[in-house]
Amino acid sequence: MTIILTDFARPRLFPREPRRNTIQDITAEEFERHLNEVPPLMVLDGYAPFCKLHVHRNWTSTRCLAVPITDQNRHLLCSGYDARTKDELPVLTRWFENIDPPVAEYLIVILYSREQLAKEGTVTDADWGLVGCMYTAEPMETPMAPITMMRNALGVEEGGSGVLLDREAYRRSVEFWSAHANWRG
């Protein structure tokens, strides 16, 4: 099985100007090589048949990305309109600033099949393409953000995958993200 780091994920996980809330201590090429050489601890089903999650123990100093919202840190929440790429429409997001989350125990790599990547405009000979990564304290998936679920339902033209909205998964996502936020640093 072969894995590539997609052009969609590369700037988000390995930006030109390093940030504290991205993958630390290694290059994009070293990360991709590790994923191809070291088997995951477990493989989880993703939100659709073309999506798999590879759970790896964190071998970097990358920090947990989702942080619980508490009375002590609520005042550090920020919000604004952001787009993941230059081609996507900005959506309202929120995040923490000026916090120091713990180092993640796990890196959960989000993979799409070659066939799905082709539908979304990425042609590759690799079996799987890395489209994202979760940095977590537990070896389980962080729920997809509600806006990402909606974007997926809009289709590939709007930066999604074309997977219809699952109302129960959406409700679980809202419950989680009502009590957590990502951070920037």
N, C-alpha and C. Protein backbone atom coordinates (compact mmCIF):
# COMPACT_ATOMS: atom_id res chain seq x y z
N MET A 1 0.84 -1.18 0.00
CA MET A 1 0.00 0.00 0.00
C MET A 1 0.89 1.24 0.00
N THR A 2 0.57 2.20 -0.86
CA THR A 2 1.34 3.44 -0.93
C THR A 2 0.47 4.64 -0.57
N ILE A 3 1.10 5.60 0.09
CA ILE A 3 0.42 6.81 0.55
C ILE A 3 1.21 8.02 0.06
N ILE A 4 0.48 9.02 -0.45
CA ILE A 4 1.10 10.30 -0.79
C ILE A 4 0.49 11.40 0.07
N LEU A 5 1.24 12.44 0.27
CA LEU A 5 0.74 13.65 0.92
C LEU A 5 0.17 14.52 -0.19
N THR A 6 -1.13 14.80 -0.16
CA THR A 6 -1.78 15.55 -1.24
C THR A 6 -1.42 17.02 -1.20
N ASP A 7 -1.60 17.67 -2.34
CA ASP A 7 -1.37 19.11 -2.41
C ASP A 7 -2.36 19.87 -1.53
N PHE A 8 -3.51 19.29 -1.26
CA PHE A 8 -4.49 19.90 -0.36
C PHE A 8 -3.96 19.90 1.08
N ALA A 9 -3.39 18.78 1.53
CA ALA A 9 -2.95 18.64 2.92
C ALA A 9 -1.60 19.29 3.18
N ARG A 10 -0.71 19.26 2.21
CA ARG A 10 0.68 19.72 2.44
C ARG A 10 0.75 21.11 3.06
N PRO A 11 0.12 22.14 2.50
CA PRO A 11 0.27 23.48 3.10
C PRO A 11 -0.44 23.62 4.45
N ARG A 12 -1.41 22.77 4.71
CA ARG A 12 -2.11 22.83 5.99
C ARG A 12 -1.30 22.17 7.10
N LEU A 13 -0.60 21.07 6.78
CA LEU A 13 0.19 20.34 7.78
C LEU A 13 1.64 20.82 7.84
N PHE A 14 2.16 21.31 6.71
CA PHE A 14 3.55 21.76 6.61
C PHE A 14 3.60 23.11 5.90
N PRO A 15 3.12 24.17 6.54
CA PRO A 15 3.10 25.48 5.88
C PRO A 15 4.51 26.02 5.64
N ARG A 16 4.62 26.92 4.66
CA ARG A 16 5.93 27.53 4.35
C ARG A 16 6.53 28.19 5.59
N GLU A 17 5.69 28.91 6.32
CA GLU A 17 6.14 29.51 7.57
C GLU A 17 5.61 28.63 8.70
N PRO A 18 6.50 27.89 9.37
CA PRO A 18 6.06 26.94 10.41
C PRO A 18 5.22 27.62 11.49
N ARG A 19 4.22 26.87 11.96
CA ARG A 19 3.36 27.32 13.05
C ARG A 19 3.37 26.26 14.14
N ARG A 20 3.11 26.65 15.35
CA ARG A 20 3.11 25.72 16.48
C ARG A 20 1.97 24.71 16.42
N ASN A 21 0.89 24.99 15.66
CA ASN A 21 -0.27 24.09 15.63
C ASN A 21 -0.28 23.19 14.40
N THR A 22 0.89 22.97 13.81
CA THR A 22 1.01 22.04 12.69
C THR A 22 1.98 20.92 13.10
N ILE A 23 2.27 20.00 12.21
CA ILE A 23 3.16 18.89 12.54
C ILE A 23 4.58 19.42 12.76
N GLN A 24 5.21 18.97 13.82
CA GLN A 24 6.50 19.49 14.27
C GLN A 24 7.63 18.48 14.01
N ASP A 25 8.85 18.99 13.97
CA ASP A 25 10.10 18.21 14.03
C ASP A 25 10.48 17.45 12.77
N ILE A 26 9.64 17.41 11.75
CA ILE A 26 9.96 16.64 10.55
C ILE A 26 9.49 17.39 9.31
N THR A 27 10.04 16.99 8.18
CA THR A 27 9.61 17.58 6.91
C THR A 27 8.42 16.79 6.36
N ALA A 28 7.78 17.37 5.37
CA ALA A 28 6.68 16.68 4.70
C ALA A 28 7.15 15.36 4.10
N GLU A 29 8.34 15.36 3.52
CA GLU A 29 8.87 14.15 2.90
C GLU A 29 9.16 13.07 3.95
N GLU A 30 9.71 13.47 5.09
CA GLU A 30 9.97 12.50 6.17
C GLU A 30 8.66 11.94 6.72
N PHE A 31 7.65 12.79 6.82
CA PHE A 31 6.34 12.35 7.30
C PHE A 31 5.75 11.32 6.35
N GLU A 32 5.75 11.63 5.06
CA GLU A 32 5.22 10.71 4.06
C GLU A 32 5.98 9.38 4.08
N ARG A 33 7.30 9.44 4.18
CA ARG A 33 8.11 8.22 4.22
C ARG A 33 7.75 7.38 5.45
N HIS A 34 7.59 8.02 6.60
CA HIS A 34 7.23 7.31 7.82
C HIS A 34 5.90 6.56 7.64
N LEU A 35 4.92 7.23 7.06
CA LEU A 35 3.61 6.61 6.86
C LEU A 35 3.68 5.41 5.92
N ASN A 36 4.61 5.43 4.99
CA ASN A 36 4.77 4.32 4.06
C ASN A 36 5.62 3.20 4.64
N GLU A 37 6.42 3.48 5.65
CA GLU A 37 7.32 2.46 6.21
C GLU A 37 6.85 1.87 7.53
N VAL A 38 6.11 2.64 8.33
CA VAL A 38 5.70 2.19 9.66
C VAL A 38 4.21 1.89 9.66
N PRO A 39 3.83 0.64 9.94
CA PRO A 39 2.40 0.32 9.93
C PRO A 39 1.66 1.06 11.06
N PRO A 40 0.41 1.41 10.82
CA PRO A 40 -0.37 2.08 11.88
C PRO A 40 -0.68 1.12 13.02
N LEU A 41 -0.96 1.70 14.20
CA LEU A 41 -1.39 0.89 15.34
C LEU A 41 -2.74 0.25 15.06
N MET A 42 -3.58 0.99 14.35
CA MET A 42 -4.90 0.48 13.96
C MET A 42 -5.41 1.28 12.78
N VAL A 43 -6.38 0.70 12.08
CA VAL A 43 -7.02 1.37 10.96
C VAL A 43 -8.51 1.47 11.29
N LEU A 44 -9.04 2.68 11.22
CA LEU A 44 -10.45 2.93 11.51
C LEU A 44 -11.17 3.29 10.22
N ASP A 45 -12.44 2.97 10.14
CA ASP A 45 -13.25 3.42 9.02
C ASP A 45 -13.50 4.91 9.16
N GLY A 46 -13.45 5.62 8.05
CA GLY A 46 -13.74 7.03 8.04
C GLY A 46 -15.22 7.28 7.85
N TYR A 47 -15.56 8.49 7.46
CA TYR A 47 -16.97 8.89 7.34
C TYR A 47 -17.63 8.38 6.06
N ALA A 48 -16.84 7.80 5.16
CA ALA A 48 -17.37 7.28 3.89
C ALA A 48 -16.50 6.09 3.49
N PRO A 49 -16.99 5.23 2.59
CA PRO A 49 -16.22 4.04 2.21
C PRO A 49 -14.84 4.34 1.63
N PHE A 50 -14.65 5.51 1.02
CA PHE A 50 -13.36 5.86 0.42
C PHE A 50 -12.37 6.46 1.42
N CYS A 51 -12.77 6.57 2.69
CA CYS A 51 -11.95 7.23 3.71
C CYS A 51 -11.53 6.24 4.79
N LYS A 52 -10.24 6.22 5.10
CA LYS A 52 -9.69 5.39 6.18
C LYS A 52 -8.86 6.28 7.09
N LEU A 53 -8.80 5.90 8.36
CA LEU A 53 -8.01 6.63 9.35
C LEU A 53 -6.91 5.71 9.87
N HIS A 54 -5.66 6.11 9.71
CA HIS A 54 -4.53 5.34 10.22
C HIS A 54 -4.07 5.99 11.52
N VAL A 55 -4.13 5.22 12.60
CA VAL A 55 -3.75 5.71 13.92
C VAL A 55 -2.28 5.37 14.17
N HIS A 56 -1.48 6.41 14.39
CA HIS A 56 -0.05 6.24 14.70
C HIS A 56 0.23 6.87 16.06
N ARG A 57 1.11 6.25 16.85
CA ARG A 57 1.60 6.91 18.05
C ARG A 57 2.41 8.11 17.58
N ASN A 58 2.24 9.23 18.25
CA ASN A 58 2.93 10.46 17.87
C ASN A 58 4.43 10.31 18.09
N TRP A 59 5.22 10.48 17.05
CA TRP A 59 6.68 10.38 17.13
C TRP A 59 7.31 11.77 17.03
N THR A 60 6.48 12.81 17.19
CA THR A 60 6.94 14.20 17.08
C THR A 60 6.55 14.95 18.35
N SER A 61 6.77 16.25 18.36
CA SER A 61 6.32 17.07 19.49
C SER A 61 5.02 17.81 19.16
N THR A 62 4.32 17.34 18.14
CA THR A 62 3.05 17.95 17.72
C THR A 62 2.05 17.92 18.86
N ARG A 63 1.35 19.03 19.05
CA ARG A 63 0.41 19.18 20.17
C ARG A 63 -1.03 18.87 19.75
N CYS A 64 -1.84 18.47 20.74
CA CYS A 64 -3.27 18.23 20.49
C CYS A 64 -3.87 19.47 19.84
N LEU A 65 -4.72 19.25 18.86
CA LEU A 65 -5.30 20.38 18.13
C LEU A 65 -6.62 20.86 18.73
N ALA A 66 -7.46 19.95 19.19
CA ALA A 66 -8.74 20.33 19.80
C ALA A 66 -8.54 20.44 21.31
N VAL A 67 -9.04 21.54 21.86
CA VAL A 67 -8.87 21.84 23.28
C VAL A 67 -10.24 22.07 23.89
N PRO A 68 -10.50 21.48 25.08
CA PRO A 68 -11.78 21.74 25.73
C PRO A 68 -11.95 23.23 26.08
N ILE A 69 -13.16 23.73 25.92
CA ILE A 69 -13.48 25.10 26.31
C ILE A 69 -13.89 25.08 27.78
N THR A 70 -13.23 25.91 28.58
CA THR A 70 -13.51 25.98 30.02
C THR A 70 -13.79 27.43 30.39
N ASP A 71 -14.27 27.64 31.61
CA ASP A 71 -14.46 29.01 32.09
C ASP A 71 -13.12 29.76 32.15
N GLN A 72 -12.03 29.01 32.36
CA GLN A 72 -10.71 29.63 32.47
C GLN A 72 -10.12 30.06 31.12
N ASN A 73 -10.55 29.43 30.01
CA ASN A 73 -9.94 29.79 28.72
C ASN A 73 -10.93 30.39 27.72
N ARG A 74 -12.20 30.45 28.08
CA ARG A 74 -13.23 30.93 27.15
C ARG A 74 -12.90 32.32 26.60
N HIS A 75 -12.28 33.17 27.41
CA HIS A 75 -11.96 34.54 26.98
C HIS A 75 -10.85 34.57 25.90
N LEU A 76 -10.20 33.44 25.65
CA LEU A 76 -9.14 33.36 24.64
C LEU A 76 -9.66 32.90 23.28
N LEU A 77 -10.98 32.64 23.17
CA LEU A 77 -11.56 32.23 21.89
C LEU A 77 -11.64 33.42 20.93
N CYS A 78 -11.30 33.16 19.69
CA CYS A 78 -11.38 34.16 18.62
C CYS A 78 -12.25 33.58 17.51
N SER A 79 -12.73 34.43 16.63
CA SER A 79 -13.50 33.94 15.49
C SER A 79 -13.23 34.82 14.28
N GLY A 80 -13.48 34.24 13.11
CA GLY A 80 -13.30 34.97 11.87
C GLY A 80 -13.65 34.08 10.70
N TYR A 81 -13.62 34.64 9.51
CA TYR A 81 -13.93 33.90 8.29
C TYR A 81 -12.63 33.41 7.66
N ASP A 82 -12.56 32.10 7.40
CA ASP A 82 -11.37 31.49 6.82
C ASP A 82 -11.76 30.52 5.71
N ALA A 83 -10.87 30.36 4.75
CA ALA A 83 -10.99 29.34 3.70
C ALA A 83 -9.78 28.44 3.82
N ARG A 84 -9.97 27.15 3.57
CA ARG A 84 -8.86 26.20 3.65
C ARG A 84 -7.92 26.33 2.46
N THR A 85 -8.45 26.75 1.32
CA THR A 85 -7.64 26.96 0.12
C THR A 85 -8.12 28.25 -0.54
N LYS A 86 -7.34 28.74 -1.52
CA LYS A 86 -7.71 29.98 -2.21
C LYS A 86 -8.97 29.81 -3.06
N ASP A 87 -9.32 28.57 -3.40
CA ASP A 87 -10.49 28.32 -4.24
C ASP A 87 -11.79 28.15 -3.45
N GLU A 88 -11.69 27.96 -2.14
CA GLU A 88 -12.90 27.75 -1.34
C GLU A 88 -13.44 29.06 -0.78
N LEU A 89 -14.74 29.07 -0.56
CA LEU A 89 -15.36 30.22 0.07
C LEU A 89 -15.04 30.23 1.56
N PRO A 90 -14.76 31.39 2.14
CA PRO A 90 -14.50 31.45 3.59
C PRO A 90 -15.77 31.11 4.38
N VAL A 91 -15.56 30.46 5.52
CA VAL A 91 -16.65 30.13 6.44
C VAL A 91 -16.26 30.61 7.84
N LEU A 92 -17.26 30.83 8.68
CA LEU A 92 -17.01 31.29 10.05
C LEU A 92 -16.37 30.17 10.86
N THR A 93 -15.26 30.46 11.50
CA THR A 93 -14.55 29.50 12.34
C THR A 93 -14.21 30.16 13.67
N ARG A 94 -13.82 29.32 14.64
CA ARG A 94 -13.34 29.87 15.91
C ARG A 94 -12.13 29.07 16.34
N TRP A 95 -11.30 29.70 17.15
CA TRP A 95 -10.06 29.09 17.60
C TRP A 95 -9.57 29.79 18.86
N PHE A 96 -8.69 29.12 19.55
CA PHE A 96 -8.00 29.71 20.69
C PHE A 96 -6.72 30.37 20.24
N GLU A 97 -6.33 31.42 20.93
CA GLU A 97 -4.99 31.98 20.81
C GLU A 97 -4.39 32.06 22.21
N ASN A 98 -3.06 32.03 22.25
CA ASN A 98 -2.31 32.18 23.50
C ASN A 98 -2.58 31.06 24.50
N ILE A 99 -2.64 29.82 24.02
CA ILE A 99 -2.73 28.67 24.91
C ILE A 99 -1.60 27.70 24.56
N ASP A 100 -1.33 26.77 25.48
CA ASP A 100 -0.25 25.80 25.30
C ASP A 100 -0.80 24.40 25.54
N PRO A 101 -1.41 23.78 24.51
CA PRO A 101 -2.01 22.45 24.66
C PRO A 101 -0.95 21.38 24.91
N PRO A 102 -1.36 20.23 25.43
CA PRO A 102 -0.40 19.14 25.65
C PRO A 102 0.05 18.51 24.33
N VAL A 103 1.19 17.84 24.38
CA VAL A 103 1.66 17.10 23.21
C VAL A 103 0.67 15.96 22.95
N ALA A 104 0.33 15.77 21.69
CA ALA A 104 -0.61 14.71 21.30
C ALA A 104 0.01 13.34 21.52
N GLU A 105 -0.80 12.39 21.91
CA GLU A 105 -0.35 11.00 22.04
C GLU A 105 -0.42 10.28 20.69
N TYR A 106 -1.35 10.74 19.83
CA TYR A 106 -1.59 10.05 18.56
C TYR A 106 -1.69 11.05 17.41
N LEU A 107 -1.25 10.60 16.25
CA LEU A 107 -1.49 11.30 14.99
C LEU A 107 -2.40 10.38 14.19
N ILE A 108 -3.58 10.87 13.86
CA ILE A 108 -4.55 10.07 13.12
C ILE A 108 -4.64 10.63 11.71
N VAL A 109 -4.09 9.87 10.78
CA VAL A 109 -3.95 10.30 9.40
C VAL A 109 -5.24 9.99 8.64
N ILE A 110 -5.77 10.99 7.95
CA ILE A 110 -7.01 10.85 7.18
C ILE A 110 -6.62 10.58 5.73
N LEU A 111 -7.03 9.41 5.23
CA LEU A 111 -6.67 8.98 3.88
C LEU A 111 -7.91 8.85 3.00
N TYR A 112 -7.77 9.27 1.75
CA TYR A 112 -8.80 9.06 0.73
C TYR A 112 -8.25 8.10 -0.31
N SER A 113 -9.11 7.28 -0.87
CA SER A 113 -8.71 6.33 -1.91
C SER A 113 -8.30 7.07 -3.18
N ARG A 114 -7.52 6.39 -4.00
CA ARG A 114 -7.09 6.92 -5.30
C ARG A 114 -8.30 7.35 -6.13
N GLU A 115 -9.36 6.54 -6.12
CA GLU A 115 -10.56 6.84 -6.91
C GLU A 115 -11.24 8.13 -6.45
N GLN A 116 -11.35 8.32 -5.13
CA GLN A 116 -11.96 9.54 -4.63
C GLN A 116 -11.09 10.75 -4.93
N LEU A 117 -9.78 10.59 -4.78
CA LEU A 117 -8.87 11.70 -5.11
C LEU A 117 -9.06 12.13 -6.56
N ALA A 118 -9.20 11.16 -7.47
CA ALA A 118 -9.40 11.48 -8.89
C ALA A 118 -10.70 12.27 -9.08
N LYS A 119 -11.76 11.89 -8.37
CA LYS A 119 -13.03 12.63 -8.46
C LYS A 119 -12.86 14.08 -8.03
N GLU A 120 -11.93 14.30 -7.10
CA GLU A 120 -11.72 15.64 -6.56
C GLU A 120 -10.58 16.37 -7.26
N GLY A 121 -10.05 15.76 -8.36
CA GLY A 121 -9.07 16.45 -9.17
C GLY A 121 -7.61 16.11 -8.91
N THR A 122 -7.32 15.12 -8.07
CA THR A 122 -5.94 14.70 -7.81
C THR A 122 -5.72 13.32 -8.40
N VAL A 123 -4.92 13.26 -9.45
CA VAL A 123 -4.61 11.99 -10.09
C VAL A 123 -3.28 11.51 -9.53
N THR A 124 -3.24 10.23 -9.09
CA THR A 124 -2.04 9.67 -8.49
C THR A 124 -1.96 8.17 -8.78
N ASP A 125 -0.77 7.65 -8.73
CA ASP A 125 -0.57 6.20 -8.81
C ASP A 125 -0.61 5.57 -7.43
N ALA A 126 -0.53 6.38 -6.38
CA ALA A 126 -0.56 5.86 -5.01
C ALA A 126 -1.94 5.28 -4.71
N ASP A 127 -1.99 4.35 -3.77
CA ASP A 127 -3.27 3.76 -3.38
C ASP A 127 -4.12 4.74 -2.58
N TRP A 128 -3.47 5.55 -1.76
CA TRP A 128 -4.16 6.45 -0.84
C TRP A 128 -3.48 7.81 -0.84
N GLY A 129 -4.28 8.84 -0.58
CA GLY A 129 -3.76 10.19 -0.43
C GLY A 129 -4.12 10.75 0.92
N LEU A 130 -3.14 11.33 1.59
CA LEU A 130 -3.37 11.95 2.89
C LEU A 130 -4.02 13.31 2.67
N VAL A 131 -5.22 13.51 3.24
CA VAL A 131 -5.94 14.77 3.08
C VAL A 131 -6.00 15.57 4.37
N GLY A 132 -5.59 14.96 5.49
CA GLY A 132 -5.60 15.67 6.76
C GLY A 132 -5.02 14.79 7.85
N CYS A 133 -4.87 15.39 9.03
CA CYS A 133 -4.33 14.65 10.16
C CYS A 133 -4.91 15.25 11.44
N MET A 134 -5.33 14.39 12.35
CA MET A 134 -5.79 14.81 13.66
C MET A 134 -4.69 14.55 14.67
N TYR A 135 -4.48 15.49 15.58
CA TYR A 135 -3.48 15.34 16.64
C TYR A 135 -4.27 15.22 17.95
N THR A 136 -4.27 14.00 18.55
CA THR A 136 -5.20 13.71 19.63
C THR A 136 -4.54 13.10 20.87
N ALA A 137 -5.27 13.14 21.98
CA ALA A 137 -4.83 12.49 23.21
C ALA A 137 -5.25 11.03 23.26
N GLU A 138 -6.28 10.68 22.53
CA GLU A 138 -6.83 9.32 22.51
C GLU A 138 -6.75 8.77 21.08
N PRO A 139 -6.68 7.42 20.94
CA PRO A 139 -6.59 6.84 19.60
C PRO A 139 -7.95 6.73 18.92
N MET A 140 -8.67 7.84 18.91
CA MET A 140 -10.00 7.84 18.29
C MET A 140 -10.19 9.14 17.51
N GLU A 141 -11.07 9.06 16.55
CA GLU A 141 -11.33 10.17 15.66
C GLU A 141 -11.95 11.36 16.40
N THR A 142 -11.45 12.54 16.10
CA THR A 142 -12.11 13.78 16.52
C THR A 142 -13.24 14.00 15.53
N PRO A 143 -14.46 14.30 15.99
CA PRO A 143 -15.55 14.49 15.02
C PRO A 143 -15.23 15.59 14.00
N MET A 144 -15.59 15.33 12.78
CA MET A 144 -15.44 16.32 11.72
C MET A 144 -16.25 17.56 12.12
N ALA A 145 -15.72 18.72 11.84
CA ALA A 145 -16.42 19.96 12.18
C ALA A 145 -17.74 20.04 11.40
N PRO A 146 -18.79 20.60 12.00
CA PRO A 146 -20.07 20.71 11.30
C PRO A 146 -19.95 21.39 9.93
N ILE A 147 -19.15 22.44 9.83
CA ILE A 147 -19.03 23.14 8.55
C ILE A 147 -18.37 22.26 7.50
N THR A 148 -17.45 21.39 7.91
CA THR A 148 -16.81 20.48 6.96
C THR A 148 -17.82 19.46 6.45
N MET A 149 -18.69 18.99 7.34
CA MET A 149 -19.74 18.06 6.90
C MET A 149 -20.66 18.73 5.88
N MET A 150 -21.00 19.99 6.14
CA MET A 150 -21.86 20.71 5.19
C MET A 150 -21.15 20.92 3.87
N ARG A 151 -19.87 21.30 3.93
CA ARG A 151 -19.11 21.51 2.69
C ARG A 151 -19.04 20.21 1.89
N ASN A 152 -18.81 19.08 2.57
CA ASN A 152 -18.77 17.80 1.89
C ASN A 152 -20.09 17.53 1.16
N ALA A 153 -21.19 17.85 1.82
CA ALA A 153 -22.50 17.62 1.21
C ALA A 153 -22.75 18.51 -0.01
N LEU A 154 -22.07 19.64 -0.07
CA LEU A 154 -22.24 20.54 -1.22
C LEU A 154 -21.59 19.98 -2.48
N GLY A 155 -20.61 19.11 -2.33
CA GLY A 155 -19.98 18.49 -3.49
C GLY A 155 -18.58 19.00 -3.75
N VAL A 156 -17.91 18.36 -4.69
CA VAL A 156 -16.52 18.68 -4.98
C VAL A 156 -16.35 20.10 -5.53
N GLU A 157 -17.39 20.64 -6.17
CA GLU A 157 -17.30 21.99 -6.72
C GLU A 157 -17.07 23.02 -5.63
N GLU A 158 -17.51 22.74 -4.42
CA GLU A 158 -17.37 23.67 -3.30
C GLU A 158 -16.32 23.20 -2.30
N GLY A 159 -15.43 22.30 -2.72
CA GLY A 159 -14.35 21.85 -1.85
C GLY A 159 -14.71 20.66 -0.99
N GLY A 160 -15.86 20.04 -1.24
CA GLY A 160 -16.29 18.89 -0.46
C GLY A 160 -16.02 17.58 -1.19
N SER A 161 -16.59 16.53 -0.64
CA SER A 161 -16.38 15.19 -1.21
C SER A 161 -17.62 14.63 -1.90
N GLY A 162 -18.76 15.28 -1.71
CA GLY A 162 -19.99 14.78 -2.31
C GLY A 162 -20.75 13.81 -1.44
N VAL A 163 -20.31 13.62 -0.18
CA VAL A 163 -21.00 12.71 0.75
C VAL A 163 -22.15 13.46 1.40
N LEU A 164 -23.34 12.88 1.34
CA LEU A 164 -24.52 13.50 1.93
C LEU A 164 -24.37 13.66 3.43
N LEU A 165 -25.07 14.63 3.96
CA LEU A 165 -25.04 14.92 5.39
C LEU A 165 -25.72 13.81 6.17
N ASP A 166 -25.03 13.30 7.19
CA ASP A 166 -25.57 12.32 8.13
C ASP A 166 -26.02 13.10 9.37
N ARG A 167 -27.32 13.20 9.58
CA ARG A 167 -27.86 14.07 10.64
C ARG A 167 -27.37 13.66 12.03
N GLU A 168 -27.29 12.37 12.31
CA GLU A 168 -26.82 11.93 13.63
C GLU A 168 -25.35 12.26 13.83
N ALA A 169 -24.53 12.03 12.80
CA ALA A 169 -23.10 12.38 12.89
C ALA A 169 -22.96 13.89 13.05
N TYR A 170 -23.81 14.65 12.38
CA TYR A 170 -23.78 16.10 12.50
C TYR A 170 -24.10 16.53 13.93
N ARG A 171 -25.11 15.92 14.52
CA ARG A 171 -25.47 16.26 15.91
C ARG A 171 -24.33 15.93 16.88
N ARG A 172 -23.66 14.78 16.68
CA ARG A 172 -22.51 14.42 17.52
C ARG A 172 -21.38 15.44 17.34
N SER A 173 -21.19 15.88 16.12
CA SER A 173 -20.17 16.87 15.83
C SER A 173 -20.48 18.19 16.55
N VAL A 174 -21.70 18.64 16.47
CA VAL A 174 -22.10 19.88 17.14
C VAL A 174 -21.88 19.76 18.65
N GLU A 175 -22.23 18.61 19.22
CA GLU A 175 -22.03 18.41 20.65
C GLU A 175 -20.55 18.53 21.01
N PHE A 176 -19.68 17.87 20.25
CA PHE A 176 -18.24 17.93 20.53
C PHE A 176 -17.70 19.35 20.34
N TRP A 177 -17.99 19.97 19.18
CA TRP A 177 -17.39 21.26 18.86
C TRP A 177 -18.03 22.41 19.63
N SER A 178 -19.17 22.18 20.28
CA SER A 178 -19.72 23.19 21.19
C SER A 178 -18.88 23.28 22.46
N ALA A 179 -18.16 22.21 22.77
CA ALA A 179 -17.36 22.15 24.00
C ALA A 179 -15.85 22.19 23.73
N HIS A 180 -15.43 22.26 22.46
CA HIS A 180 -14.00 22.26 22.09
C HIS A 180 -13.75 23.29 20.99
N ALA A 181 -12.50 23.67 20.86
CA ALA A 181 -12.08 24.53 19.75
C ALA A 181 -10.63 24.20 19.41
N ASN A 182 -10.27 24.44 18.16
CA ASN A 182 -8.87 24.32 17.76
C ASN A 182 -8.11 25.53 18.27
N TRP A 183 -6.82 25.52 18.09
CA TRP A 183 -6.00 26.66 18.52
C TRP A 183 -5.03 27.04 17.40
N ARG A 184 -4.54 28.22 17.48
CA ARG A 184 -3.53 28.71 16.53
C ARG A 184 -2.35 29.21 17.32
N GLY A 185 -1.19 29.07 16.70
CA GLY A 185 -0.02 29.54 17.43
C GLY A 185 1.14 29.79 16.52
